[in-house]
Amino acid sequence: MVDTVVGFLSSDDPLRFFGVTMVGVSGRTVLKVLLSVALLVVLSLFNSASRTIMRTVTGPAGSASRFWTKQGLQLLTAVVAVLGLFSIWVTPGTDLTVGIGLVTAGLAFALQKVIASLAGYFVILRGRVFAVGDRIAVGEVRGDVMSLGFLRTTVMEMGAPSSMTGSETGNWVPSRQFTGRVVTVSNGVIFDEAVFNYSRGFPFLWEEISVNLPFDVDLRAVDEMFSACAERHTRRLSDEAMASMQRMSRVYAVDVREFGPQVFVSLQEDWILVTVRFVVGSHGARAVKDAISRDLVAGLKESGITPASVAYDIRAVGGTAPGTDEPGEIPDTSRGRDL
């Protein structure tokens, strides 16, 4: 019995099933299929066992150690699967040049997006474009990277500042805070779109708050008030940003030296626009702006300064009633019209 099975699996003769010759199917082909299935089962078991071990040995979910361990295991599994299947199916004396060429050309045409996504995966890792935990913006998607796969990146979406929401479709949060939606993006998008990384290298941003003030305001007192309010909430962030920029300057040609709050004044047609510029972290910017804004409101009230605004003085102009010389109301010409 054993000799019969071994002889069948080593035979190149076509397999006959109920008198029908199965073209291209032989005992050796059946053996290759069984070996391929066994290889995939073993790799699947290895993958499951490694994930179980990884959850107990590495750090918490989302940590850098677990991310890189997972990526290494996935790459190892993929390489072993490709090499194993290639060794099983490509045997000495098999002329597969033409077949492989046709199959490769067909796959390259049909799977352009998949190949671009796979290539983007390696570019992201090798080029250190972003990693799990980074806050990025690519195309119309903004948020924190939750997962990075071979083909797609998963992002926890965040909103955009009010100045940018005009270009955002369906984004109802006018700030850099989570919307609650999970978005998947093809890795190939990095070849067509610019990738903005809020965290890589320099995890800080410059923010600004602007207030319209009347022309007769004491600019020296305003400058001191705005600087003090921003300094009160960003002193530690400014020091950390300076240290981060010093580390960054060892790698990139960048030289930025102003990290403390700065106040700028510009003349407008109806008022003076006073802007305070300060540093915030890549996360938590809205809370810092909220604290500074509340202090500014309190400081302006205490100083008796009222923000400038455009006022309209609407007055009714008398007329004469139709057909008489007596004063009357001006007829409502808008009645019956769509406004």
C-alpha atoms as a PDB file:
ATOM      1  CA  MET A   1       0.000   0.000   0.000  1.00  0.00           C
ATOM      2  CA  VAL A   2       2.776   2.377   0.960  1.00  0.00           C
ATOM      3  CA  ASP A   3       4.707   1.491  -2.197  1.00  0.00           C
ATOM      4  CA  THR A   4       1.597   2.170  -4.281  1.00  0.00           C
ATOM      5  CA  VAL A   5       1.088   5.618  -2.738  1.00  0.00           C
ATOM      6  CA  VAL A   6       4.767   6.500  -3.108  1.00  0.00           C
ATOM      7  CA  GLY A   7       4.754   5.307  -6.707  1.00  0.00           C
ATOM      8  CA  PHE A   8       1.659   7.349  -7.473  1.00  0.00           C
ATOM      9  CA  LEU A   9       3.026  10.527  -5.899  1.00  0.00           C
ATOM     10  CA  SER A  10       6.300  10.216  -7.797  1.00  0.00           C
ATOM     11  CA  SER A  11       4.656   9.486 -11.150  1.00  0.00           C
ATOM     12  CA  ASP A  12       4.386  12.024 -13.955  1.00  0.00           C
ATOM     13  CA  ASP A  13       1.631  10.093 -15.724  1.00  0.00           C
ATOM     14  CA  PRO A  14      -1.699  11.966 -16.036  1.00  0.00           C
ATOM     15  CA  LEU A  15      -4.264  11.107 -13.386  1.00  0.00           C
ATOM     16  CA  ARG A  16      -7.316   9.149 -14.575  1.00  0.00           C
ATOM     17  CA  PHE A  17     -10.589   9.654 -12.718  1.00  0.00           C
ATOM     18  CA  PHE A  18     -13.567   7.449 -13.675  1.00  0.00           C
ATOM     19  CA  GLY A  19     -11.944   6.835 -17.022  1.00  0.00           C
ATOM     20  CA  VAL A  20     -11.380  10.554 -17.667  1.00  0.00           C
ATOM     21  CA  THR A  21      -7.774  11.699 -18.095  1.00  0.00           C
ATOM     22  CA  MET A  22      -7.084  14.793 -15.998  1.00  0.00           C
ATOM     23  CA  VAL A  23      -4.820  16.793 -18.278  1.00  0.00           C
ATOM     24  CA  GLY A  24      -1.916  18.362 -16.382  1.00  0.00           C
ATOM     25  CA  VAL A  25      -2.769  16.552 -13.142  1.00  0.00           C
ATOM     26  CA  SER A  26      -0.374  13.818 -12.093  1.00  0.00           C
ATOM     27  CA  GLY A  27       0.733  12.157  -8.909  1.00  0.00           C
ATOM     28  CA  ARG A  28       3.623  14.592  -8.649  1.00  0.00           C
ATOM     29  CA  THR A  29       1.200  17.511  -8.972  1.00  0.00           C
ATOM     30  CA  VAL A  30      -0.922  16.110  -6.143  1.00  0.00           C
ATOM     31  CA  LEU A  31       2.226  15.812  -4.013  1.00  0.00           C
ATOM     32  CA  LYS A  32       3.107  19.446  -4.686  1.00  0.00           C
ATOM     33  CA  VAL A  33      -0.400  20.566  -3.725  1.00  0.00           C
ATOM     34  CA  LEU A  34      -0.234  18.583  -0.472  1.00  0.00           C
ATOM     35  CA  LEU A  35       3.192  20.021   0.357  1.00  0.00           C
ATOM     36  CA  SER A  36       1.951  23.544  -0.399  1.00  0.00           C
ATOM     37  CA  VAL A  37      -1.073  23.107   1.865  1.00  0.00           C
ATOM     38  CA  ALA A  38       1.138  21.670   4.618  1.00  0.00           C
ATOM     39  CA  LEU A  39       3.540  24.607   4.297  1.00  0.00           C
ATOM     40  CA  LEU A  40       0.719  27.157   4.557  1.00  0.00           C
ATOM     41  CA  VAL A  41      -0.786  25.368   7.563  1.00  0.00           C
ATOM     42  CA  VAL A  42       2.573  25.314   9.351  1.00  0.00           C
ATOM     43  CA  LEU A  43       3.115  29.022   8.638  1.00  0.00           C
ATOM     44  CA  SER A  44      -0.396  29.813   9.843  1.00  0.00           C
ATOM     45  CA  LEU A  45       0.209  27.943  13.105  1.00  0.00           C
ATOM     46  CA  PHE A  46       3.560  29.682  13.501  1.00  0.00           C
ATOM     47  CA  ASN A  47       1.903  33.058  12.921  1.00  0.00           C
ATOM     48  CA  SER A  48      -0.796  32.370  15.534  1.00  0.00           C
ATOM     49  CA  ALA A  49       1.727  31.115  18.091  1.00  0.00           C
ATOM     50  CA  SER A  50       4.035  34.084  17.509  1.00  0.00           C
ATOM     51  CA  ARG A  51       1.160  36.549  18.020  1.00  0.00           C
ATOM     52  CA  THR A  52       0.274  34.858  21.295  1.00  0.00           C
ATOM     53  CA  ILE A  53       3.866  35.032  22.494  1.00  0.00           C
ATOM     54  CA  MET A  54       4.174  38.613  21.277  1.00  0.00           C
ATOM     55  CA  ARG A  55       1.202  39.734  23.379  1.00  0.00           C
ATOM     56  CA  THR A  56       2.891  38.444  26.540  1.00  0.00           C
ATOM     57  CA  VAL A  57       6.504  39.399  25.816  1.00  0.00           C
ATOM     58  CA  THR A  58       6.321  42.751  24.013  1.00  0.00           C
ATOM     59  CA  GLY A  59       4.775  45.982  25.215  1.00  0.00           C
ATOM     60  CA  PRO A  60       1.128  47.081  25.092  1.00  0.00           C
ATOM     61  CA  ALA A  61      -0.858  47.261  21.871  1.00  0.00           C
ATOM     62  CA  GLY A  62       0.278  50.204  19.765  1.00  0.00           C
ATOM     63  CA  SER A  63       3.774  50.303  21.280  1.00  0.00           C
ATOM     64  CA  ALA A  64       6.804  50.574  19.006  1.00  0.00           C
ATOM     65  CA  SER A  65       8.265  47.250  20.175  1.00  0.00           C
ATOM     66  CA  ARG A  66       5.103  45.314  19.375  1.00  0.00           C
ATOM     67  CA  PHE A  67       4.734  47.077  16.023  1.00  0.00           C
ATOM     68  CA  TRP A  68       8.248  46.264  14.810  1.00  0.00           C
ATOM     69  CA  THR A  69       8.033  42.704  16.144  1.00  0.00           C
ATOM     70  CA  LYS A  70       4.789  42.184  14.252  1.00  0.00           C
ATOM     71  CA  GLN A  71       6.235  43.643  11.052  1.00  0.00           C
ATOM     72  CA  GLY A  72       9.316  41.407  11.322  1.00  0.00           C
ATOM     73  CA  LEU A  73       7.229  38.269  11.820  1.00  0.00           C
ATOM     74  CA  GLN A  74       4.973  39.155   8.881  1.00  0.00           C
ATOM     75  CA  LEU A  75       7.949  39.719   6.600  1.00  0.00           C
ATOM     76  CA  LEU A  76       9.592  36.470   7.741  1.00  0.00           C
ATOM     77  CA  THR A  77       6.375  34.525   7.122  1.00  0.00           C
ATOM     78  CA  ALA A  78       5.930  36.066   3.674  1.00  0.00           C
ATOM     79  CA  VAL A  79       9.528  35.336   2.631  1.00  0.00           C
ATOM     80  CA  VAL A  80       9.359  31.718   3.858  1.00  0.00           C
ATOM     81  CA  ALA A  81       6.033  31.206   2.054  1.00  0.00           C
ATOM     82  CA  VAL A  82       7.344  32.564  -1.245  1.00  0.00           C
ATOM     83  CA  LEU A  83      10.609  30.615  -1.099  1.00  0.00           C
ATOM     84  CA  GLY A  84       8.850  27.430   0.018  1.00  0.00           C
ATOM     85  CA  LEU A  85       6.207  27.526  -2.722  1.00  0.00           C
ATOM     86  CA  PHE A  86       8.834  28.377  -5.318  1.00  0.00           C
ATOM     87  CA  SER A  87      10.982  25.417  -4.220  1.00  0.00           C
ATOM     88  CA  ILE A  88       8.001  23.055  -4.306  1.00  0.00           C
ATOM     89  CA  TRP A  89       6.672  23.960  -7.719  1.00  0.00           C
ATOM     90  CA  VAL A  90       9.850  24.837  -9.630  1.00  0.00           C
ATOM     91  CA  THR A  91      11.854  21.637 -10.066  1.00  0.00           C
ATOM     92  CA  PRO A  92      15.048  20.979 -12.067  1.00  0.00           C
ATOM     93  CA  GLY A  93      14.383  20.475 -15.754  1.00  0.00           C
ATOM     94  CA  THR A  94      11.117  22.448 -15.693  1.00  0.00           C
ATOM     95  CA  ASP A  95      11.000  25.075 -18.422  1.00  0.00           C
ATOM     96  CA  LEU A  96       8.894  27.842 -16.924  1.00  0.00           C
ATOM     97  CA  THR A  97      10.501  30.833 -18.603  1.00  0.00           C
ATOM     98  CA  VAL A  98       7.694  31.605 -21.002  1.00  0.00           C
ATOM     99  CA  GLY A  99       4.961  30.786 -18.491  1.00  0.00           C
ATOM    100  CA  ILE A 100       6.479  32.868 -15.743  1.00  0.00           C
ATOM    101  CA  GLY A 101       6.965  35.764 -18.167  1.00  0.00           C
ATOM    102  CA  LEU A 102       3.332  35.717 -19.290  1.00  0.00           C
ATOM    103  CA  VAL A 103       1.999  35.330 -15.758  1.00  0.00           C
ATOM    104  CA  THR A 104       4.242  38.126 -14.469  1.00  0.00           C
ATOM    105  CA  ALA A 105       3.182  40.496 -17.234  1.00  0.00           C
ATOM    106  CA  GLY A 106      -0.507  39.733 -16.620  1.00  0.00           C
ATOM    107  CA  LEU A 107      -0.195  40.180 -12.871  1.00  0.00           C
ATOM    108  CA  ALA A 108       1.768  43.414 -13.247  1.00  0.00           C
ATOM    109  CA  PHE A 109      -1.013  44.862 -15.418  1.00  0.00           C
ATOM    110  CA  ALA A 110      -3.929  43.585 -13.354  1.00  0.00           C
ATOM    111  CA  LEU A 111      -2.447  44.313  -9.938  1.00  0.00           C
ATOM    112  CA  GLN A 112      -0.925  47.748 -10.478  1.00  0.00           C
ATOM    113  CA  LYS A 113      -2.599  49.213  -7.393  1.00  0.00           C
ATOM    114  CA  VAL A 114      -1.646  46.231  -5.251  1.00  0.00           C
ATOM    115  CA  ILE A 115       1.986  46.373  -6.381  1.00  0.00           C
ATOM    116  CA  ALA A 116       2.087  50.141  -5.755  1.00  0.00           C
ATOM    117  CA  SER A 117       0.639  49.619  -2.272  1.00  0.00           C
ATOM    118  CA  LEU A 118       3.172  46.897  -1.485  1.00  0.00           C
ATOM    119  CA  ALA A 119       6.008  49.081  -2.756  1.00  0.00           C
ATOM    120  CA  GLY A 120       4.639  51.960  -0.668  1.00  0.00           C
ATOM    121  CA  TYR A 121       4.777  49.733   2.421  1.00  0.00           C
ATOM    122  CA  PHE A 122       8.528  49.187   2.022  1.00  0.00           C
ATOM    123  CA  VAL A 123       9.097  52.867   1.205  1.00  0.00           C
ATOM    124  CA  ILE A 124       7.220  53.867   4.378  1.00  0.00           C
ATOM    125  CA  LEU A 125       9.362  51.558   6.504  1.00  0.00           C
ATOM    126  CA  ARG A 126      12.688  52.181   4.774  1.00  0.00           C
ATOM    127  CA  GLY A 127      12.186  55.919   4.334  1.00  0.00           C
ATOM    128  CA  ARG A 128      10.757  56.343   7.849  1.00  0.00           C
ATOM    129  CA  VAL A 129       7.824  58.284   6.382  1.00  0.00           C
ATOM    130  CA  PHE A 130       5.645  57.454   9.377  1.00  0.00           C
ATOM    131  CA  ALA A 131       5.058  54.698  11.925  1.00  0.00           C
ATOM    132  CA  VAL A 132       2.288  53.536  14.240  1.00  0.00           C
ATOM    133  CA  GLY A 133       1.363  56.317  16.657  1.00  0.00           C
ATOM    134  CA  ASP A 134       2.407  59.178  14.364  1.00  0.00           C
ATOM    135  CA  ARG A 135      -0.072  61.935  13.572  1.00  0.00           C
ATOM    136  CA  ILE A 136      -0.172  62.418   9.805  1.00  0.00           C
ATOM    137  CA  ALA A 137      -2.135  64.093   7.042  1.00  0.00           C
ATOM    138  CA  VAL A 138      -2.140  62.527   3.583  1.00  0.00           C
ATOM    139  CA  GLY A 139      -4.562  63.591   0.892  1.00  0.00           C
ATOM    140  CA  GLU A 140      -7.875  64.381   2.619  1.00  0.00           C
ATOM    141  CA  VAL A 141      -7.197  62.066   5.570  1.00  0.00           C
ATOM    142  CA  ARG A 142      -5.803  63.356   8.861  1.00  0.00           C
ATOM    143  CA  GLY A 143      -5.285  61.453  12.084  1.00  0.00           C
ATOM    144  CA  ASP A 144      -3.176  59.064  14.149  1.00  0.00           C
ATOM    145  CA  VAL A 145      -1.769  55.920  12.523  1.00  0.00           C
ATOM    146  CA  MET A 146      -3.300  52.892  14.247  1.00  0.00           C
ATOM    147  CA  SER A 147      -1.964  50.081  12.056  1.00  0.00           C
ATOM    148  CA  LEU A 148       0.379  49.651   9.105  1.00  0.00           C
ATOM    149  CA  GLY A 149      -0.180  46.658   6.833  1.00  0.00           C
ATOM    150  CA  PHE A 150       1.362  45.431   3.598  1.00  0.00           C
ATOM    151  CA  LEU A 151      -1.283  47.177   1.481  1.00  0.00           C
ATOM    152  CA  ARG A 152      -3.201  49.630   3.675  1.00  0.00           C
ATOM    153  CA  THR A 153      -2.703  51.983   6.594  1.00  0.00           C
ATOM    154  CA  THR A 154      -5.416  52.417   9.239  1.00  0.00           C
ATOM    155  CA  VAL A 155      -5.896  55.900  10.687  1.00  0.00           C
ATOM    156  CA  MET A 156      -8.034  57.223  13.548  1.00  0.00           C
ATOM    157  CA  GLU A 157      -9.439  60.331  11.883  1.00  0.00           C
ATOM    158  CA  MET A 158      -9.197  63.787  13.387  1.00  0.00           C
ATOM    159  CA  GLY A 159     -10.785  67.062  12.381  1.00  0.00           C
ATOM    160  CA  ALA A 160      -9.091  70.039  10.777  1.00  0.00           C
ATOM    161  CA  PRO A 161      -8.801  73.708  11.806  1.00  0.00           C
ATOM    162  CA  SER A 162     -11.706  75.896  10.710  1.00  0.00           C
ATOM    163  CA  SER A 163      -9.529  77.509   8.033  1.00  0.00           C
ATOM    164  CA  MET A 164      -9.201  74.125   6.334  1.00  0.00           C
ATOM    165  CA  THR A 165     -12.676  72.659   6.791  1.00  0.00           C
ATOM    166  CA  GLY A 166     -13.872  74.159   3.537  1.00  0.00           C
ATOM    167  CA  SER A 167     -11.974  71.484   1.615  1.00  0.00           C
ATOM    168  CA  GLU A 168     -12.981  68.684   3.969  1.00  0.00           C
ATOM    169  CA  THR A 169     -15.921  66.589   2.829  1.00  0.00           C
ATOM    170  CA  GLY A 170     -18.059  65.285   5.662  1.00  0.00           C
ATOM    171  CA  ASN A 171     -15.695  66.453   8.412  1.00  0.00           C
ATOM    172  CA  TRP A 172     -17.740  68.114  11.156  1.00  0.00           C
ATOM    173  CA  VAL A 173     -14.983  68.674  13.762  1.00  0.00           C
ATOM    174  CA  PRO A 174     -13.268  72.064  13.198  1.00  0.00           C
ATOM    175  CA  SER A 175     -10.170  71.209  15.210  1.00  0.00           C
ATOM    176  CA  ARG A 176      -7.418  68.610  15.491  1.00  0.00           C
ATOM    177  CA  GLN A 177      -9.442  66.234  17.669  1.00  0.00           C
ATOM    178  CA  PHE A 178     -10.746  62.747  16.893  1.00  0.00           C
ATOM    179  CA  THR A 179     -13.996  62.411  14.956  1.00  0.00           C
ATOM    180  CA  GLY A 180     -14.443  58.747  15.892  1.00  0.00           C
ATOM    181  CA  ARG A 181     -14.134  57.428  12.336  1.00  0.00           C
ATOM    182  CA  VAL A 182     -11.515  54.841  11.379  1.00  0.00           C
ATOM    183  CA  VAL A 183     -10.128  55.406   7.879  1.00  0.00           C
ATOM    184  CA  THR A 184      -8.063  53.030   5.752  1.00  0.00           C
ATOM    185  CA  VAL A 185      -5.663  54.469   3.180  1.00  0.00           C
ATOM    186  CA  SER A 186      -3.778  52.664   0.434  1.00  0.00           C
ATOM    187  CA  ASN A 187      -0.019  52.696   1.013  1.00  0.00           C
ATOM    188  CA  GLY A 188       0.440  53.656  -2.647  1.00  0.00           C
ATOM    189  CA  VAL A 189      -0.994  57.113  -1.937  1.00  0.00           C
ATOM    190  CA  ILE A 190       2.448  58.275  -0.775  1.00  0.00           C
ATOM    191  CA  PHE A 191       3.609  58.240  -4.413  1.00  0.00           C
ATOM    192  CA  ASP A 192       0.891  60.706  -5.460  1.00  0.00           C
ATOM    193  CA  GLU A 193       0.240  62.845  -2.375  1.00  0.00           C
ATOM    194  CA  ALA A 194       2.372  64.801   0.061  1.00  0.00           C
ATOM    195  CA  VAL A 195       2.548  63.241   3.530  1.00  0.00           C
ATOM    196  CA  PHE A 196       2.450  65.684   6.458  1.00  0.00           C
ATOM    197  CA  ASN A 197       3.846  64.203   9.660  1.00  0.00           C
ATOM    198  CA  TYR A 198       3.009  66.063  12.859  1.00  0.00           C
ATOM    199  CA  SER A 199       5.140  63.801  15.072  1.00  0.00           C
ATOM    200  CA  ARG A 200       8.240  62.632  13.217  1.00  0.00           C
ATOM    201  CA  GLY A 201      11.440  64.428  14.143  1.00  0.00           C
ATOM    202  CA  PHE A 202       9.832  67.540  15.627  1.00  0.00           C
ATOM    203  CA  PRO A 203       6.560  66.747  17.487  1.00  0.00           C
ATOM    204  CA  PHE A 204       5.575  70.388  17.946  1.00  0.00           C
ATOM    205  CA  LEU A 205       3.550  72.983  16.038  1.00  0.00           C
ATOM    206  CA  TRP A 206       3.298  76.741  16.010  1.00  0.00           C
ATOM    207  CA  GLU A 207      -0.191  78.039  16.694  1.00  0.00           C
ATOM    208  CA  GLU A 208      -1.633  81.552  16.575  1.00  0.00           C
ATOM    209  CA  ILE A 209      -4.530  83.439  18.172  1.00  0.00           C
ATOM    210  CA  SER A 210      -5.637  86.736  16.608  1.00  0.00           C
ATOM    211  CA  VAL A 211      -7.820  89.466  18.103  1.00  0.00           C
ATOM    212  CA  ASN A 212      -9.151  92.665  16.480  1.00  0.00           C
ATOM    213  CA  LEU A 213      -8.521  95.725  18.674  1.00  0.00           C
ATOM    214  CA  PRO A 214      -9.358  99.442  18.192  1.00  0.00           C
ATOM    215  CA  PHE A 215      -6.741 101.886  16.957  1.00  0.00           C
ATOM    216  CA  ASP A 216      -6.557 103.780  20.290  1.00  0.00           C
ATOM    217  CA  VAL A 217      -5.440 100.720  22.272  1.00  0.00           C
ATOM    218  CA  ASP A 218      -2.199 100.789  24.271  1.00  0.00           C
ATOM    219  CA  LEU A 219      -0.072  98.434  22.183  1.00  0.00           C
ATOM    220  CA  ARG A 220       2.665  98.130  24.811  1.00  0.00           C
ATOM    221  CA  ALA A 221       0.193  96.906  27.438  1.00  0.00           C
ATOM    222  CA  VAL A 222      -1.445  94.593  24.905  1.00  0.00           C
ATOM    223  CA  ASP A 223       1.914  93.140  23.917  1.00  0.00           C
ATOM    224  CA  GLU A 224       2.777  92.397  27.541  1.00  0.00           C
ATOM    225  CA  MET A 225      -0.649  90.874  28.217  1.00  0.00           C
ATOM    226  CA  PHE A 226      -0.606  88.582  25.172  1.00  0.00           C
ATOM    227  CA  SER A 227       2.984  87.468  25.828  1.00  0.00           C
ATOM    228  CA  ALA A 228       2.272  86.749  29.508  1.00  0.00           C
ATOM    229  CA  CYS A 229      -0.857  84.709  28.741  1.00  0.00           C
ATOM    230  CA  ALA A 230       0.944  82.574  26.167  1.00  0.00           C
ATOM    231  CA  GLU A 231       4.071  82.208  28.305  1.00  0.00           C
ATOM    232  CA  ARG A 232       2.024  81.003  31.251  1.00  0.00           C
ATOM    233  CA  HIS A 233       0.770  77.947  29.336  1.00  0.00           C
ATOM    234  CA  THR A 234       3.632  77.182  26.932  1.00  0.00           C
ATOM    235  CA  ARG A 235       6.851  77.698  28.905  1.00  0.00           C
ATOM    236  CA  ARG A 236       7.550  73.966  29.285  1.00  0.00           C
ATOM    237  CA  LEU A 237       6.544  73.259  25.679  1.00  0.00           C
ATOM    238  CA  SER A 238       8.917  75.953  24.422  1.00  0.00           C
ATOM    239  CA  ASP A 239      11.850  74.408  26.273  1.00  0.00           C
ATOM    240  CA  GLU A 240      11.021  70.934  24.974  1.00  0.00           C
ATOM    241  CA  ALA A 241      10.639  72.259  21.427  1.00  0.00           C
ATOM    242  CA  MET A 242      14.043  73.937  21.607  1.00  0.00           C
ATOM    243  CA  ALA A 243      15.716  70.692  22.730  1.00  0.00           C
ATOM    244  CA  SER A 244      13.906  68.746  20.003  1.00  0.00           C
ATOM    245  CA  MET A 245      14.978  71.243  17.334  1.00  0.00           C
ATOM    246  CA  GLN A 246      18.602  70.984  18.475  1.00  0.00           C
ATOM    247  CA  ARG A 247      18.443  67.200  17.971  1.00  0.00           C
ATOM    248  CA  MET A 248      16.743  67.669  14.626  1.00  0.00           C
ATOM    249  CA  SER A 249      19.398  70.127  13.423  1.00  0.00           C
ATOM    250  CA  ARG A 250      22.010  67.351  13.645  1.00  0.00           C
ATOM    251  CA  VAL A 251      20.193  65.490  10.877  1.00  0.00           C
ATOM    252  CA  TYR A 252      18.564  68.222   8.789  1.00  0.00           C
ATOM    253  CA  ALA A 253      19.704  71.637   7.615  1.00  0.00           C
ATOM    254  CA  VAL A 254      17.340  73.635   9.802  1.00  0.00           C
ATOM    255  CA  ASP A 255      18.030  76.546  12.124  1.00  0.00           C
ATOM    256  CA  VAL A 256      15.069  77.843  14.141  1.00  0.00           C
ATOM    257  CA  ARG A 257      15.777  79.773  17.317  1.00  0.00           C
ATOM    258  CA  GLU A 258      12.507  81.469  18.300  1.00  0.00           C
ATOM    259  CA  PHE A 259      10.356  79.220  20.477  1.00  0.00           C
ATOM    260  CA  GLY A 260       8.950  81.623  23.032  1.00  0.00           C
ATOM    261  CA  PRO A 261       5.662  83.516  22.496  1.00  0.00           C
ATOM    262  CA  GLN A 262       5.778  86.344  19.971  1.00  0.00           C
ATOM    263  CA  VAL A 263       3.238  89.114  19.404  1.00  0.00           C
ATOM    264  CA  PHE A 264       2.699  90.660  15.971  1.00  0.00           C
ATOM    265  CA  VAL A 265       0.616  93.671  14.960  1.00  0.00           C
ATOM    266  CA  SER A 266      -0.774  94.390  11.508  1.00  0.00           C
ATOM    267  CA  LEU A 267      -2.920  97.311  10.325  1.00  0.00           C
ATOM    268  CA  GLN A 268      -6.342  96.528   8.934  1.00  0.00           C
ATOM    269  CA  GLU A 269      -8.892  98.847   7.374  1.00  0.00           C
ATOM    270  CA  ASP A 270     -11.109  99.099  10.452  1.00  0.00           C
ATOM    271  CA  TRP A 271      -8.912  97.907  13.336  1.00  0.00           C
ATOM    272  CA  ILE A 272      -5.550  96.606  14.487  1.00  0.00           C
ATOM    273  CA  LEU A 273      -5.019  92.853  14.218  1.00  0.00           C
ATOM    274  CA  VAL A 274      -2.942  91.573  17.152  1.00  0.00           C
ATOM    275  CA  THR A 275      -1.625  88.000  16.814  1.00  0.00           C
ATOM    276  CA  VAL A 276       0.207  85.951  19.429  1.00  0.00           C
ATOM    277  CA  ARG A 277       2.303  83.053  18.125  1.00  0.00           C
ATOM    278  CA  PHE A 278       3.350  80.172  20.393  1.00  0.00           C
ATOM    279  CA  VAL A 279       4.454  76.520  20.397  1.00  0.00           C
ATOM    280  CA  VAL A 280       2.166  73.583  21.174  1.00  0.00           C
ATOM    281  CA  GLY A 281       2.597  69.819  21.036  1.00  0.00           C
ATOM    282  CA  SER A 282       1.398  67.718  18.113  1.00  0.00           C
ATOM    283  CA  HIS A 283      -1.361  66.495  20.470  1.00  0.00           C
ATOM    284  CA  GLY A 284      -3.390  68.665  22.834  1.00  0.00           C
ATOM    285  CA  ALA A 285      -3.122  71.924  20.891  1.00  0.00           C
ATOM    286  CA  ARG A 286      -6.784  72.779  21.383  1.00  0.00           C
ATOM    287  CA  ALA A 287      -6.550  72.601  25.173  1.00  0.00           C
ATOM    288  CA  VAL A 288      -3.592  75.002  25.175  1.00  0.00           C
ATOM    289  CA  LYS A 289      -5.381  77.439  22.855  1.00  0.00           C
ATOM    290  CA  ASP A 290      -8.467  77.245  25.068  1.00  0.00           C
ATOM    291  CA  ALA A 291      -6.474  78.105  28.204  1.00  0.00           C
ATOM    292  CA  ILE A 292      -4.690  81.023  26.515  1.00  0.00           C
ATOM    293  CA  SER A 293      -7.943  82.344  25.016  1.00  0.00           C
ATOM    294  CA  ARG A 294      -9.658  82.329  28.419  1.00  0.00           C
ATOM    295  CA  ASP A 295      -6.766  84.253  29.961  1.00  0.00           C
ATOM    296  CA  LEU A 296      -6.851  86.770  27.108  1.00  0.00           C
ATOM    297  CA  VAL A 297     -10.582  87.362  27.561  1.00  0.00           C
ATOM    298  CA  ALA A 298     -10.098  87.919  31.298  1.00  0.00           C
ATOM    299  CA  GLY A 299      -7.125  90.226  30.688  1.00  0.00           C
ATOM    300  CA  LEU A 300      -8.982  92.335  28.119  1.00  0.00           C
ATOM    301  CA  LYS A 301     -11.959  92.725  30.471  1.00  0.00           C
ATOM    302  CA  GLU A 302      -9.709  93.687  33.357  1.00  0.00           C
ATOM    303  CA  SER A 303      -7.962  96.296  31.218  1.00  0.00           C
ATOM    304  CA  GLY A 304     -11.232  97.686  29.897  1.00  0.00           C
ATOM    305  CA  ILE A 305     -10.347  96.875  26.285  1.00  0.00           C
ATOM    306  CA  THR A 306     -13.209  95.971  23.968  1.00  0.00           C
ATOM    307  CA  PRO A 307     -12.365  94.058  20.762  1.00  0.00           C
ATOM    308  CA  ALA A 308     -13.069  96.029  17.609  1.00  0.00           C
ATOM    309  CA  SER A 309     -15.964  95.232  15.307  1.00  0.00           C
ATOM    310  CA  VAL A 310     -17.808  96.833  12.429  1.00  0.00           C
ATOM    311  CA  ALA A 311     -20.996  98.614  13.549  1.00  0.00           C
ATOM    312  CA  TYR A 312     -23.870  99.501  11.231  1.00  0.00           C
ATOM    313  CA  ASP A 313     -26.166 102.445  12.067  1.00  0.00           C
ATOM    314  CA  ILE A 314     -29.565 101.820  10.430  1.00  0.00           C
ATOM    315  CA  ARG A 315     -31.962 104.773  10.381  1.00  0.00           C
ATOM    316  CA  ALA A 316     -35.461 105.127   8.934  1.00  0.00           C
ATOM    317  CA  VAL A 317     -35.797 107.988   6.446  1.00  0.00           C
ATOM    318  CA  GLY A 318     -39.246 109.662   6.298  1.00  0.00           C
ATOM    319  CA  GLY A 319     -41.195 110.205   3.042  1.00  0.00           C
ATOM    320  CA  THR A 320     -44.613 111.294   1.840  1.00  0.00           C
ATOM    321  CA  ALA A 321     -47.672 109.166   1.418  1.00  0.00           C
ATOM    322  CA  PRO A 322     -48.555 108.570  -2.214  1.00  0.00           C
ATOM    323  CA  GLY A 323     -50.875 111.288  -3.652  1.00  0.00           C
ATOM    324  CA  THR A 324     -50.480 113.674  -0.645  1.00  0.00           C
ATOM    325  CA  ASP A 325     -47.980 116.090   0.873  1.00  0.00           C
ATOM    326  CA  GLU A 326     -48.324 114.460   4.307  1.00  0.00           C
ATOM    327  CA  PRO A 327     -45.411 112.514   5.815  1.00  0.00           C
ATOM    328  CA  GLY A 328     -45.932 108.813   5.565  1.00  0.00           C
ATOM    329  CA  GLU A 329     -44.133 105.509   5.679  1.00  0.00           C
ATOM    330  CA  ILE A 330     -41.846 104.467   2.928  1.00  0.00           C
ATOM    331  CA  PRO A 331     -43.593 101.639   1.093  1.00  0.00           C
ATOM    332  CA  ASP A 332     -42.175  98.154   1.613  1.00  0.00           C
ATOM    333  CA  THR A 333     -40.880  97.365  -1.868  1.00  0.00           C
ATOM    334  CA  SER A 334     -39.471  94.041  -0.736  1.00  0.00           C
ATOM    335  CA  ARG A 335     -42.900  92.558   0.008  1.00  0.00           C
ATOM    336  CA  GLY A 336     -43.657  89.641  -2.231  1.00  0.00           C
ATOM    337  CA  ARG A 337     -40.029  89.243  -3.353  1.00  0.00           C
ATOM    338  CA  ASP A 338     -37.689  86.398  -2.601  1.00  0.00           C
ATOM    339  CA  LEU A 339     -34.872  87.650  -0.423  1.00  0.00           C
END
